[in-house]
Amino acid sequence: MPNDFDMTALLATVNQLAQLAGKQIMEIYETDFDVEHKDDKSPLTKADMAAHNTIVKGLQETVPRWPILSEESASIPYEERAQWPCYWLVDPLDGTREFIKRNGEFTVNIALIENHQPILGVVYVPATGVTYFAAVGQGAFKWLPKQSPKPIRARSCPQDRLTIAGSRSHAGQSLQKFIEGLGVEIELVSIGSSLKSCLVAEGKVDIYPRFGPTSEWDTAAAQCVVEQAGGYLTDTQLQPLRYNTKESLINPYFLVFGDKRKDWSHHLAQAMPLNS
């Protein structure tokens, strides 16, 4: 980890930037905004770009030493990215589909990556003002408006009942097979964006399985929060996700869970071929 800066001060700066971006997002959220589509058919709004510009400008002004990879500027060649030992990984508006649906389930995600691992993460929820944040050696916290940040911790699995987080917009057959194979009573919580991972981090959900495409900026900030809360965000081989290791920025399928004593790999094998 870079050792010549104050991690506490850096977290404060990133929290402030995420909240500023969130304020701009909410200003657009209250208007009759237009929706465009990128080449991959994913939606794009003025809020995505406003948040992107605010975060990039703020990071460049306050901590210019590290490059920035954002969802809205993701065309940087791998040959260039591969030279980065440390960089910012940003999703200025995670859950654009939820933003368009106006259900409040979208986040601002900012992570600092070093040696392919997230060492700082901030997940801000503009619609509620809630912030989840963490850094290596600092722990993980949930910060509600007008309150002090409170430490959060992933929980051990109950014996006879599991609470599972599923995607609001991307549920699929593999998730259903996974749930059916668990053999216990299930409560399914459907919610958008990186909020699913944060629910694991704060001990409200036992596992979030994702059997569908995501990008590296979707998971990095939440992974830091989950790991510093004592949980895990892994691929289907139960290895932690790593970042900026290949040309593609698409993640493998993954699991987010708080209790590694449970044999999740057994249930994965029942749900799907492990070829991702």
Protein backbone atom coordinates (compact mmCIF):
# COMPACT_ATOMS: atom_id res chain seq x y z
CA MET A 1 0.00 0.00 0.00
CA PRO A 2 1.28 3.50 -0.72
CA ASN A 3 2.54 4.72 2.65
CA ASP A 4 3.17 8.41 2.06
CA PHE A 5 -0.39 9.69 2.45
CA ASP A 6 -3.04 9.84 5.13
CA MET A 7 -5.67 7.18 4.35
CA THR A 8 -8.17 8.79 6.71
CA ALA A 9 -7.84 12.13 4.92
CA LEU A 10 -8.06 10.41 1.54
CA LEU A 11 -11.28 8.67 2.56
CA ALA A 12 -12.73 12.01 3.65
CA THR A 13 -11.86 13.53 0.27
CA VAL A 14 -13.40 10.66 -1.68
CA ASN A 15 -16.52 10.66 0.49
CA GLN A 16 -16.93 14.36 -0.22
CA LEU A 17 -16.50 13.85 -3.97
CA ALA A 18 -19.02 10.99 -4.02
CA GLN A 19 -21.56 13.12 -2.18
CA LEU A 20 -21.00 16.05 -4.53
CA ALA A 21 -21.52 13.77 -7.53
CA GLY A 22 -24.62 12.36 -5.82
CA LYS A 23 -26.05 15.84 -5.39
CA GLN A 24 -25.69 16.47 -9.12
CA ILE A 25 -27.29 13.11 -9.87
CA MET A 26 -30.31 13.96 -7.72
CA GLU A 27 -30.73 17.35 -9.38
CA ILE A 28 -31.10 15.57 -12.73
CA TYR A 29 -33.19 12.78 -11.15
CA GLU A 30 -35.86 15.36 -10.35
CA THR A 31 -36.10 16.50 -13.98
CA ASP A 32 -37.59 15.01 -17.13
CA PHE A 33 -34.20 13.71 -18.30
CA ASP A 34 -33.41 12.04 -21.63
CA VAL A 35 -31.98 8.54 -21.98
CA GLU A 36 -29.39 7.66 -24.62
CA HIS A 37 -27.79 4.27 -25.28
CA LYS A 38 -24.16 3.28 -25.64
CA ASP A 39 -22.82 0.90 -28.30
CA ASP A 40 -23.48 -2.06 -25.98
CA LYS A 41 -27.13 -0.93 -25.60
CA SER A 42 -26.66 0.04 -21.96
CA PRO A 43 -28.43 3.28 -20.99
CA LEU A 44 -26.70 6.61 -20.47
CA THR A 45 -28.11 9.81 -18.96
CA LYS A 46 -26.87 13.32 -18.24
CA ALA A 47 -26.49 12.21 -14.63
CA ASP A 48 -23.84 9.62 -15.57
CA MET A 49 -21.74 12.24 -17.32
CA ALA A 50 -22.27 14.97 -14.70
CA ALA A 51 -21.13 12.62 -11.94
CA HIS A 52 -18.20 11.40 -14.04
CA ASN A 53 -16.97 14.93 -14.73
CA THR A 54 -17.29 15.96 -11.08
CA ILE A 55 -15.39 12.94 -9.77
CA VAL A 56 -12.63 13.08 -12.38
CA LYS A 57 -12.11 16.82 -11.87
CA GLY A 58 -12.08 16.43 -8.09
CA LEU A 59 -9.60 13.53 -8.11
CA GLN A 60 -7.31 15.30 -10.57
CA GLU A 61 -7.31 18.44 -8.42
CA THR A 62 -6.86 16.81 -5.02
CA VAL A 63 -4.89 13.59 -5.72
CA PRO A 64 -3.42 13.98 -9.22
CA ARG A 65 -0.74 11.34 -8.70
CA TRP A 66 -2.90 8.39 -9.88
CA PRO A 67 -4.65 7.83 -13.22
CA ILE A 68 -8.42 7.38 -13.38
CA LEU A 69 -10.43 4.66 -15.10
CA SER A 70 -14.16 5.44 -15.19
CA GLU A 71 -17.06 3.68 -16.86
CA GLU A 72 -17.53 6.80 -18.94
CA SER A 73 -13.88 6.85 -20.09
CA ALA A 74 -13.18 3.14 -20.37
CA SER A 75 -11.47 3.15 -23.78
CA ILE A 76 -7.93 3.39 -22.34
CA PRO A 77 -5.86 0.62 -24.01
CA TYR A 78 -4.69 -2.25 -21.83
CA GLU A 79 -1.09 -1.58 -22.88
CA GLU A 80 -1.37 1.76 -21.08
CA ARG A 81 -3.43 0.49 -18.13
CA ALA A 82 -1.03 -2.40 -17.53
CA GLN A 83 1.63 0.13 -16.46
CA TRP A 84 -0.52 1.40 -13.59
CA PRO A 85 0.50 0.04 -10.16
CA CYS A 86 -2.13 2.26 -8.52
CA TYR A 87 -5.21 3.94 -10.02
CA TRP A 88 -8.76 5.12 -9.37
CA LEU A 89 -11.61 2.93 -10.61
CA VAL A 90 -14.93 4.78 -10.80
CA ASP A 91 -18.55 4.05 -11.62
CA PRO A 92 -20.11 7.52 -11.45
CA LEU A 93 -23.66 6.10 -11.57
CA ASP A 94 -24.02 2.40 -10.83
CA GLY A 95 -27.57 1.29 -11.52
CA THR A 96 -28.53 3.59 -14.38
CA ARG A 97 -31.53 1.35 -15.08
CA GLU A 98 -32.71 1.88 -11.51
CA PHE A 99 -32.12 5.62 -11.91
CA ILE A 100 -34.34 5.58 -15.00
CA LYS A 101 -37.00 3.61 -13.11
CA ARG A 102 -36.74 6.22 -10.33
CA ASN A 103 -36.60 3.62 -7.55
CA GLY A 104 -33.62 5.15 -5.74
CA GLU A 105 -31.47 2.01 -5.97
CA PHE A 106 -28.37 3.49 -7.58
CA THR A 107 -24.95 4.40 -6.23
CA VAL A 108 -21.74 6.32 -6.84
CA ASN A 109 -18.74 3.96 -6.65
CA ILE A 110 -15.14 5.12 -6.22
CA ALA A 111 -12.26 2.70 -5.53
CA LEU A 112 -8.49 2.98 -5.29
CA ILE A 113 -6.76 -0.06 -6.78
CA GLU A 114 -3.21 -1.09 -5.95
CA ASN A 115 -1.55 -4.21 -7.35
CA HIS A 116 -4.90 -5.39 -8.75
CA GLN A 117 -6.72 -5.15 -5.40
CA PRO A 118 -9.11 -2.51 -4.02
CA ILE A 119 -7.51 -0.79 -1.03
CA LEU A 120 -10.11 1.97 -0.60
CA GLY A 121 -13.78 2.01 -1.51
CA VAL A 122 -16.67 4.44 -1.23
CA VAL A 123 -20.25 3.57 -2.18
CA TYR A 124 -22.64 6.50 -1.89
CA VAL A 125 -26.43 6.23 -2.25
CA PRO A 126 -27.68 9.61 -3.56
CA ALA A 127 -31.38 8.95 -2.97
CA THR A 128 -30.92 8.26 0.76
CA GLY A 129 -27.65 10.03 1.59
CA VAL A 130 -26.18 6.78 2.98
CA THR A 131 -22.46 6.13 2.48
CA TYR A 132 -20.60 2.85 2.81
CA PHE A 133 -16.83 3.29 2.96
CA ALA A 134 -13.70 1.34 3.83
CA ALA A 135 -9.95 1.23 3.44
CA VAL A 136 -7.35 -1.43 4.19
CA GLY A 137 -6.44 -1.17 7.85
CA GLN A 138 -9.30 1.26 8.55
CA GLY A 139 -12.31 -1.10 8.73
CA ALA A 140 -15.69 -0.70 7.03
CA PHE A 141 -18.40 1.80 7.93
CA LYS A 142 -21.96 2.84 7.17
CA TRP A 143 -22.64 6.55 7.43
CA LEU A 144 -26.22 7.79 7.69
CA PRO A 145 -27.09 11.47 7.23
CA LYS A 146 -26.77 13.57 10.40
CA GLN A 147 -25.13 10.67 12.26
CA SER A 148 -21.59 9.52 12.91
CA PRO A 149 -20.21 6.65 10.82
CA LYS A 150 -20.80 3.24 12.42
CA PRO A 151 -18.60 0.15 11.91
CA ILE A 152 -20.24 -2.68 9.96
CA ARG A 153 -19.53 -6.39 9.92
CA ALA A 154 -20.62 -9.30 7.73
CA ARG A 155 -22.43 -12.04 9.62
CA SER A 156 -22.19 -15.79 10.05
CA CYS A 157 -24.85 -17.81 8.22
CA PRO A 158 -27.92 -18.93 10.17
CA GLN A 159 -28.42 -22.70 10.19
CA ASP A 160 -31.95 -22.96 8.83
CA ARG A 161 -32.54 -19.81 6.79
CA LEU A 162 -30.54 -17.72 4.30
CA THR A 163 -31.14 -14.22 3.04
CA ILE A 164 -30.00 -13.79 -0.57
CA ALA A 165 -29.59 -10.59 -2.56
CA GLY A 166 -30.54 -10.68 -6.22
CA SER A 167 -30.41 -8.16 -9.01
CA ARG A 168 -33.48 -6.01 -9.54
CA SER A 169 -32.87 -5.83 -13.30
CA HIS A 170 -30.71 -8.89 -14.08
CA ALA A 171 -32.14 -11.93 -12.31
CA GLY A 172 -31.81 -15.21 -14.24
CA GLN A 173 -32.25 -18.96 -14.33
CA SER A 174 -28.87 -19.72 -12.74
CA LEU A 175 -29.82 -17.72 -9.66
CA GLN A 176 -33.04 -19.71 -9.34
CA LYS A 177 -31.13 -23.02 -9.61
CA PHE A 178 -28.65 -21.82 -7.01
CA ILE A 179 -31.46 -20.90 -4.62
CA GLU A 180 -33.26 -24.21 -5.16
CA GLY A 181 -30.07 -26.13 -4.35
CA LEU A 182 -29.49 -24.48 -0.99
CA GLY A 183 -32.05 -26.67 0.73
CA VAL A 184 -33.09 -24.20 3.42
CA GLU A 185 -35.70 -21.50 3.79
CA ILE A 186 -34.78 -18.52 1.62
CA GLU A 187 -35.60 -14.85 1.78
CA LEU A 188 -34.77 -13.13 -1.52
CA VAL A 189 -34.00 -9.41 -1.43
CA SER A 190 -34.15 -7.83 -4.91
CA ILE A 191 -32.30 -4.54 -5.15
CA GLY A 192 -30.23 -2.63 -7.69
CA SER A 193 -26.57 -1.64 -8.05
CA SER A 194 -23.73 -2.31 -5.59
CA LEU A 195 -26.23 -2.04 -2.73
CA LYS A 196 -26.47 -5.85 -2.85
CA SER A 197 -22.83 -6.23 -1.84
CA CYS A 198 -23.19 -3.57 0.83
CA LEU A 199 -26.08 -5.50 2.39
CA VAL A 200 -23.70 -8.44 2.80
CA ALA A 201 -21.07 -6.14 4.31
CA GLU A 202 -23.47 -4.81 6.96
CA GLY A 203 -24.75 -8.26 7.91
CA LYS A 204 -28.27 -7.97 6.50
CA VAL A 205 -27.76 -10.51 3.70
CA ASP A 206 -25.85 -13.80 3.70
CA ILE A 207 -24.90 -14.06 0.03
CA TYR A 208 -25.21 -12.24 -3.27
CA PRO A 209 -24.51 -14.56 -6.24
CA ARG A 210 -24.03 -12.86 -9.61
CA PHE A 211 -24.36 -15.11 -12.66
CA GLY A 212 -24.34 -12.44 -15.30
CA PRO A 213 -22.06 -9.82 -16.83
CA THR A 214 -20.67 -6.96 -14.76
CA SER A 215 -17.69 -4.68 -15.24
CA GLU A 216 -14.77 -4.02 -12.93
CA TRP A 217 -16.06 -0.58 -11.89
CA ASP A 218 -19.30 -2.24 -10.71
CA THR A 219 -17.58 -4.25 -7.98
CA ALA A 220 -14.30 -2.66 -6.85
CA ALA A 221 -15.53 -0.13 -4.28
CA ALA A 222 -18.02 -2.57 -2.78
CA GLN A 223 -15.38 -5.31 -2.68
CA CYS A 224 -13.21 -3.17 -0.43
CA VAL A 225 -16.19 -2.48 1.85
CA VAL A 226 -17.13 -6.18 1.97
CA GLU A 227 -13.58 -7.38 2.65
CA GLN A 228 -12.91 -4.81 5.36
CA ALA A 229 -16.21 -5.86 6.95
CA GLY A 230 -14.91 -9.43 7.17
CA GLY A 231 -16.66 -10.75 4.07
CA TYR A 232 -15.61 -12.01 0.66
CA LEU A 233 -16.17 -11.11 -2.99
CA THR A 234 -14.85 -13.97 -5.09
CA ASP A 235 -15.09 -15.62 -8.48
CA THR A 236 -16.74 -19.02 -8.81
CA GLN A 237 -13.45 -20.66 -7.79
CA LEU A 238 -13.73 -18.71 -4.51
CA GLN A 239 -10.72 -16.54 -5.36
CA PRO A 240 -10.94 -12.76 -4.73
CA LEU A 241 -11.70 -10.70 -7.82
CA ARG A 242 -8.64 -8.94 -9.22
CA TYR A 243 -8.55 -5.80 -11.33
CA ASN A 244 -6.77 -4.59 -14.46
CA THR A 245 -5.22 -7.97 -15.24
CA LYS A 246 -6.46 -8.32 -18.83
CA GLU A 247 -7.70 -6.49 -21.91
CA SER A 248 -11.36 -7.01 -21.04
CA LEU A 249 -12.89 -5.10 -18.13
CA ILE A 250 -15.70 -7.65 -17.76
CA ASN A 251 -15.79 -9.52 -14.45
CA PRO A 252 -16.21 -13.28 -14.14
CA TYR A 253 -19.36 -14.48 -12.39
CA PHE A 254 -18.94 -13.93 -8.67
CA LEU A 255 -20.24 -14.43 -5.14
CA VAL A 256 -20.39 -11.98 -2.26
CA PHE A 257 -20.73 -13.66 1.13
CA GLY A 258 -19.93 -13.18 4.78
CA ASP A 259 -19.30 -16.73 5.99
CA LYS A 260 -16.61 -18.84 4.28
CA ARG A 261 -17.32 -21.85 6.50
CA LYS A 262 -20.31 -22.75 4.34
CA ASP A 263 -19.54 -24.87 1.26
CA TRP A 264 -20.68 -22.43 -1.39
CA SER A 265 -18.73 -24.27 -4.12
CA HIS A 266 -21.00 -27.31 -3.69
CA HIS A 267 -24.06 -25.18 -4.37
CA LEU A 268 -22.36 -23.47 -7.31
CA ALA A 269 -21.70 -26.84 -8.94
CA GLN A 270 -25.38 -27.65 -8.69
CA ALA A 271 -26.46 -24.35 -10.17
CA MET A 272 -24.26 -24.00 -13.24
CA PRO A 273 -21.17 -25.19 -15.10
CA LEU A 274 -18.25 -23.25 -13.65
CA ASN A 275 -16.94 -21.96 -16.98
CA SER A 276 -16.89 -18.24 -16.25
